[in-house]
C-alpha cells in the first residue's frame, strides 16, 4: 500500500501516524508540509477526499487561526497558504481515502 503523510516531525501525533504507517508496511511518501506546503488546489482536493471542510482542517491551537476561525472556506485557505502552520496535521492519503490523524485511530479507516 502506498501512503502520503503531510508531516511535521516536531508533532507527536504526526510521528505516531508515521510510525503506524511504517508498522503496517506502507510505502510512505513523507511531505514535510512546513518546508513544502501543499498548493491551495492540493489542499482543496485532500479535504474533499477526506469529506472535510477547510475549517475542520484548521489548526485552532495556532495564534493565526483566531483571525480566520469564523471566516469562510476561502479565507481559511488563504490563511493556510500564508502560514502552513495553520494546517492541522497529520493528513494521510492512501488509495482508500484521506484522513486527519487526530485521533490516530481514524487512520485505520484508510489502511
N, C-alpha and C. Protein backbone atom coordinates (compact mmCIF):
# COMPACT_ATOMS: atom_id res chain seq x y z
N UNK A 1 0.84 -1.17 0.00
CA UNK A 1 0.00 0.00 0.00
C UNK A 1 0.89 1.24 0.00
N UNK A 2 0.51 2.21 -0.83
CA UNK A 2 1.20 3.50 -0.85
C UNK A 2 0.44 4.47 0.04
N UNK A 3 1.19 5.33 0.72
CA UNK A 3 0.59 6.34 1.59
C UNK A 3 1.43 7.61 1.51
N UNK A 4 0.76 8.73 1.60
CA UNK A 4 1.42 10.03 1.69
C UNK A 4 1.00 10.65 3.00
N UNK A 5 1.97 11.12 3.76
CA UNK A 5 1.69 11.79 5.02
C UNK A 5 2.19 13.22 4.94
N UNK A 6 1.32 14.15 5.26
CA UNK A 6 1.68 15.56 5.39
C UNK A 6 2.09 15.71 6.84
N UNK A 7 3.39 15.83 7.05
CA UNK A 7 4.04 15.51 8.31
C UNK A 7 4.80 16.70 8.88
N UNK A 8 4.73 16.83 10.20
CA UNK A 8 5.57 17.75 10.94
C UNK A 8 6.35 16.90 11.94
N UNK A 9 7.65 16.71 11.74
CA UNK A 9 8.41 15.82 12.62
C UNK A 9 8.45 16.28 14.07
N UNK A 10 8.11 17.52 14.35
CA UNK A 10 8.09 18.01 15.73
C UNK A 10 6.78 17.70 16.45
N UNK A 11 5.80 17.17 15.73
CA UNK A 11 4.47 16.89 16.28
C UNK A 11 4.37 15.42 16.68
N UNK A 12 4.00 15.16 17.93
CA UNK A 12 3.91 13.78 18.41
C UNK A 12 2.84 12.99 17.65
N UNK A 13 1.71 13.60 17.33
CA UNK A 13 0.66 12.88 16.59
C UNK A 13 1.13 12.54 15.18
N UNK A 14 1.88 13.43 14.60
CA UNK A 14 2.40 13.19 13.27
C UNK A 14 3.42 12.04 13.31
N UNK A 15 4.27 12.05 14.32
CA UNK A 15 5.24 10.95 14.47
C UNK A 15 4.52 9.63 14.72
N UNK A 16 3.46 9.64 15.52
CA UNK A 16 2.68 8.41 15.76
C UNK A 16 2.06 7.90 14.47
N UNK A 17 1.53 8.81 13.66
CA UNK A 17 0.91 8.41 12.40
C UNK A 17 1.96 7.80 11.47
N UNK A 18 3.12 8.40 11.39
CA UNK A 18 4.19 7.86 10.55
C UNK A 18 4.61 6.48 11.04
N UNK A 19 4.73 6.31 12.36
CA UNK A 19 5.09 5.00 12.92
C UNK A 19 4.04 3.95 12.57
N UNK A 20 2.76 4.32 12.63
CA UNK A 20 1.69 3.38 12.28
C UNK A 20 1.80 2.97 10.82
N UNK A 21 2.03 3.93 9.94
CA UNK A 21 2.17 3.61 8.52
C UNK A 21 3.34 2.68 8.28
N UNK A 22 4.44 2.92 8.94
CA UNK A 22 5.61 2.06 8.79
C UNK A 22 5.35 0.68 9.37
N UNK A 23 4.62 0.64 10.49
CA UNK A 23 4.28 -0.63 11.15
C UNK A 23 3.47 -1.54 10.24
N UNK A 24 2.55 -0.95 9.47
CA UNK A 24 1.71 -1.77 8.59
C UNK A 24 2.37 -2.03 7.24
N UNK A 25 3.61 -1.56 7.08
CA UNK A 25 4.36 -1.84 5.87
C UNK A 25 4.03 -0.96 4.68
N UNK A 26 3.46 0.20 4.93
CA UNK A 26 3.12 1.11 3.82
C UNK A 26 4.39 1.66 3.18
N UNK A 27 4.30 1.88 1.89
CA UNK A 27 5.32 2.58 1.14
C UNK A 27 4.99 4.07 1.30
N UNK A 28 5.69 4.75 2.21
CA UNK A 28 5.30 6.08 2.65
C UNK A 28 6.10 7.17 1.95
N UNK A 29 5.37 8.13 1.42
CA UNK A 29 5.96 9.39 0.94
C UNK A 29 5.71 10.41 2.03
N UNK A 30 6.78 11.01 2.51
CA UNK A 30 6.68 11.99 3.58
C UNK A 30 6.80 13.39 2.99
N UNK A 31 5.77 14.20 3.24
CA UNK A 31 5.79 15.60 2.81
C UNK A 31 5.88 16.45 4.08
N UNK A 32 7.03 17.05 4.29
CA UNK A 32 7.17 17.96 5.43
C UNK A 32 6.52 19.27 4.99
N UNK A 33 5.24 19.41 5.32
CA UNK A 33 4.43 20.47 4.74
C UNK A 33 4.83 21.88 5.19
N UNK A 34 5.62 22.00 6.26
CA UNK A 34 6.10 23.32 6.63
C UNK A 34 7.23 23.77 5.70
N UNK A 35 7.99 22.81 5.17
CA UNK A 35 9.06 23.11 4.22
C UNK A 35 8.53 23.15 2.79
N UNK A 36 7.56 22.28 2.49
CA UNK A 36 6.99 22.16 1.14
C UNK A 36 5.47 22.15 1.26
N UNK A 37 4.86 23.31 1.49
CA UNK A 37 3.41 23.35 1.69
C UNK A 37 2.65 22.89 0.45
N UNK A 38 1.53 22.22 0.67
CA UNK A 38 0.69 21.85 -0.47
C UNK A 38 0.09 23.11 -1.09
N UNK A 39 -0.19 23.04 -2.36
CA UNK A 39 -0.84 24.16 -3.04
C UNK A 39 -2.28 24.27 -2.54
N UNK A 40 -2.88 25.38 -2.83
CA UNK A 40 -4.29 25.58 -2.47
C UNK A 40 -5.16 24.48 -3.10
N UNK A 41 -4.93 24.21 -4.39
CA UNK A 41 -5.76 23.19 -5.07
C UNK A 41 -5.52 21.81 -4.47
N UNK A 42 -4.29 21.53 -4.04
CA UNK A 42 -4.00 20.25 -3.41
C UNK A 42 -4.73 20.14 -2.07
N UNK A 43 -4.72 21.21 -1.29
CA UNK A 43 -5.45 21.19 -0.01
C UNK A 43 -6.94 20.98 -0.24
N UNK A 44 -7.50 21.67 -1.21
CA UNK A 44 -8.92 21.50 -1.53
C UNK A 44 -9.20 20.05 -1.90
N UNK A 45 -8.33 19.48 -2.74
CA UNK A 45 -8.51 18.07 -3.15
C UNK A 45 -8.43 17.14 -1.95
N UNK A 46 -7.45 17.34 -1.08
CA UNK A 46 -7.31 16.49 0.10
C UNK A 46 -8.53 16.59 1.02
N UNK A 47 -8.97 17.81 1.29
CA UNK A 47 -10.13 17.99 2.16
C UNK A 47 -11.39 17.40 1.52
N UNK A 48 -11.55 17.56 0.21
CA UNK A 48 -12.70 16.95 -0.47
C UNK A 48 -12.67 15.44 -0.32
N UNK A 49 -11.51 14.83 -0.54
CA UNK A 49 -11.38 13.37 -0.42
C UNK A 49 -11.63 12.90 1.00
N UNK A 50 -11.29 13.75 1.97
CA UNK A 50 -11.48 13.39 3.38
C UNK A 50 -12.90 13.66 3.85
N UNK A 51 -13.69 14.38 3.04
CA UNK A 51 -15.03 14.76 3.47
C UNK A 51 -14.98 15.83 4.56
N UNK A 52 -13.96 16.67 4.49
CA UNK A 52 -13.74 17.73 5.48
C UNK A 52 -13.91 19.09 4.83
N UNK A 53 -14.14 20.08 5.69
CA UNK A 53 -14.10 21.46 5.25
C UNK A 53 -12.74 22.05 5.63
N UNK A 54 -12.34 23.13 5.00
CA UNK A 54 -11.11 23.79 5.44
C UNK A 54 -11.16 24.16 6.93
N UNK A 55 -12.31 24.55 7.42
CA UNK A 55 -12.42 24.88 8.85
C UNK A 55 -12.06 23.67 9.72
N UNK A 56 -12.47 22.48 9.31
CA UNK A 56 -12.14 21.28 10.06
C UNK A 56 -10.65 20.97 9.97
N UNK A 57 -9.99 21.49 8.94
CA UNK A 57 -8.56 21.28 8.77
C UNK A 57 -7.71 22.40 9.35
N UNK A 58 -8.36 23.35 10.02
CA UNK A 58 -7.66 24.50 10.59
C UNK A 58 -7.11 24.14 11.97
N UNK A 59 -5.85 24.36 12.15
CA UNK A 59 -5.19 24.07 13.43
C UNK A 59 -5.49 25.21 14.40
N UNK A 60 -6.53 25.01 15.21
CA UNK A 60 -7.03 26.04 16.09
C UNK A 60 -6.05 26.43 17.19
N UNK A 61 -5.08 25.59 17.49
CA UNK A 61 -4.12 25.87 18.55
C UNK A 61 -3.14 26.99 18.17
N UNK A 62 -3.09 27.33 16.90
CA UNK A 62 -2.15 28.36 16.44
C UNK A 62 -2.78 29.75 16.56
N UNK A 63 -1.97 30.71 16.95
CA UNK A 63 -2.46 32.09 17.11
C UNK A 63 -3.12 32.62 15.84
N UNK A 64 -2.55 32.31 14.70
CA UNK A 64 -3.09 32.80 13.43
C UNK A 64 -4.49 32.31 13.12
N UNK A 65 -4.91 31.24 13.75
CA UNK A 65 -6.25 30.69 13.49
C UNK A 65 -7.35 31.58 14.06
N UNK A 66 -7.05 32.30 15.09
CA UNK A 66 -8.06 33.15 15.73
C UNK A 66 -8.67 34.15 14.76
N UNK A 67 -7.85 34.70 13.89
CA UNK A 67 -8.30 35.73 12.95
C UNK A 67 -9.24 35.18 11.88
N UNK A 68 -9.14 33.89 11.57
CA UNK A 68 -9.93 33.33 10.47
C UNK A 68 -10.91 32.24 10.88
N UNK A 69 -10.95 31.91 12.17
CA UNK A 69 -11.78 30.76 12.57
C UNK A 69 -13.26 30.93 12.25
N UNK A 70 -13.72 32.17 12.11
CA UNK A 70 -15.12 32.41 11.75
C UNK A 70 -15.28 32.79 10.28
N UNK A 71 -14.16 32.76 9.55
CA UNK A 71 -14.19 33.11 8.14
C UNK A 71 -14.74 31.98 7.29
N UNK A 72 -14.96 32.28 6.02
CA UNK A 72 -15.43 31.25 5.10
C UNK A 72 -14.25 30.39 4.65
N UNK A 73 -14.56 29.38 3.87
CA UNK A 73 -13.53 28.43 3.42
C UNK A 73 -12.41 29.14 2.67
N UNK A 74 -12.77 30.13 1.86
CA UNK A 74 -11.76 30.84 1.07
C UNK A 74 -10.79 31.60 1.97
N UNK A 75 -11.30 32.25 3.00
CA UNK A 75 -10.45 33.00 3.92
C UNK A 75 -9.52 32.05 4.69
N UNK A 76 -10.05 30.91 5.07
CA UNK A 76 -9.24 29.92 5.80
C UNK A 76 -8.14 29.38 4.90
N UNK A 77 -8.47 29.04 3.67
CA UNK A 77 -7.46 28.55 2.72
C UNK A 77 -6.41 29.62 2.44
N UNK A 78 -6.84 30.88 2.30
CA UNK A 78 -5.89 31.97 2.10
C UNK A 78 -4.89 32.02 3.26
N UNK A 79 -5.42 31.92 4.48
CA UNK A 79 -4.56 31.97 5.67
C UNK A 79 -3.59 30.79 5.70
N UNK A 80 -4.06 29.61 5.30
CA UNK A 80 -3.20 28.43 5.27
C UNK A 80 -2.09 28.57 4.24
N UNK A 81 -2.36 29.26 3.14
CA UNK A 81 -1.33 29.47 2.12
C UNK A 81 -0.26 30.43 2.64
N UNK A 82 -0.67 31.39 3.45
CA UNK A 82 0.28 32.34 4.02
C UNK A 82 1.08 31.70 5.16
N UNK A 83 0.38 30.91 5.98
CA UNK A 83 1.02 30.30 7.16
C UNK A 83 0.64 28.83 7.25
N UNK A 84 1.47 27.92 6.70
CA UNK A 84 1.14 26.50 6.70
C UNK A 84 1.02 25.88 8.09
N UNK A 85 1.50 26.58 9.13
CA UNK A 85 1.29 26.08 10.50
C UNK A 85 -0.20 25.94 10.82
N UNK A 86 -1.03 26.65 10.06
CA UNK A 86 -2.47 26.61 10.30
C UNK A 86 -3.13 25.33 9.77
N UNK A 87 -2.36 24.52 9.04
CA UNK A 87 -2.89 23.25 8.52
C UNK A 87 -2.77 22.20 9.62
N UNK A 88 -3.91 21.65 10.03
CA UNK A 88 -3.91 20.61 11.06
C UNK A 88 -3.22 19.38 10.50
N UNK A 89 -2.50 18.70 11.35
CA UNK A 89 -1.74 17.52 10.94
C UNK A 89 -1.97 16.38 11.91
N UNK A 90 -1.62 15.21 11.46
CA UNK A 90 -1.14 14.81 10.15
C UNK A 90 -2.30 14.47 9.22
N UNK A 91 -2.16 14.82 7.98
CA UNK A 91 -3.09 14.38 6.94
C UNK A 91 -2.43 13.19 6.25
N UNK A 92 -3.19 12.12 6.06
CA UNK A 92 -2.65 10.92 5.43
C UNK A 92 -3.56 10.54 4.28
N UNK A 93 -2.96 10.23 3.14
CA UNK A 93 -3.70 9.81 1.96
C UNK A 93 -3.24 8.43 1.52
N UNK A 94 -4.20 7.55 1.25
CA UNK A 94 -3.94 6.26 0.62
C UNK A 94 -4.94 6.11 -0.52
N UNK A 95 -4.90 4.97 -1.22
CA UNK A 95 -5.87 4.72 -2.27
C UNK A 95 -7.30 4.68 -1.72
N UNK A 96 -7.43 4.41 -0.43
CA UNK A 96 -8.75 4.29 0.19
C UNK A 96 -9.33 5.62 0.67
N UNK A 97 -8.52 6.68 0.64
CA UNK A 97 -9.04 7.97 1.04
C UNK A 97 -8.02 8.80 1.78
N UNK A 98 -8.53 9.87 2.40
CA UNK A 98 -7.71 10.79 3.18
C UNK A 98 -8.33 10.92 4.56
N UNK A 99 -7.48 10.92 5.57
CA UNK A 99 -7.96 11.12 6.94
C UNK A 99 -6.98 12.03 7.66
N UNK A 100 -7.53 12.79 8.58
CA UNK A 100 -6.75 13.55 9.53
C UNK A 100 -6.44 12.60 10.67
N UNK A 101 -5.20 12.49 11.06
CA UNK A 101 -4.80 11.52 12.09
C UNK A 101 -4.98 12.03 13.50
N UNK A 102 -6.08 12.64 13.80
CA UNK A 102 -6.42 13.11 15.14
C UNK A 102 -7.84 12.72 15.42
N UNK A 103 -8.06 11.62 16.07
CA UNK A 103 -7.12 10.69 16.69
C UNK A 103 -6.50 9.75 15.65
N UNK A 104 -5.40 9.16 16.03
CA UNK A 104 -4.66 8.26 15.14
C UNK A 104 -5.55 7.11 14.67
N UNK A 105 -6.46 6.67 15.50
CA UNK A 105 -7.35 5.55 15.15
C UNK A 105 -8.11 5.80 13.85
N UNK A 106 -8.36 7.06 13.50
CA UNK A 106 -9.07 7.36 12.25
C UNK A 106 -8.30 6.88 11.03
N UNK A 107 -6.99 6.73 11.16
CA UNK A 107 -6.20 6.29 10.03
C UNK A 107 -6.49 4.86 9.64
N UNK A 108 -6.96 4.05 10.58
CA UNK A 108 -7.25 2.65 10.27
C UNK A 108 -8.33 2.53 9.19
N UNK A 109 -9.18 3.55 9.04
CA UNK A 109 -10.22 3.53 8.02
C UNK A 109 -9.66 3.51 6.59
N UNK A 110 -8.43 3.98 6.42
CA UNK A 110 -7.86 4.06 5.08
C UNK A 110 -6.65 3.16 4.88
N UNK A 111 -6.37 2.31 5.86
CA UNK A 111 -5.21 1.40 5.73
C UNK A 111 -5.64 0.08 5.12
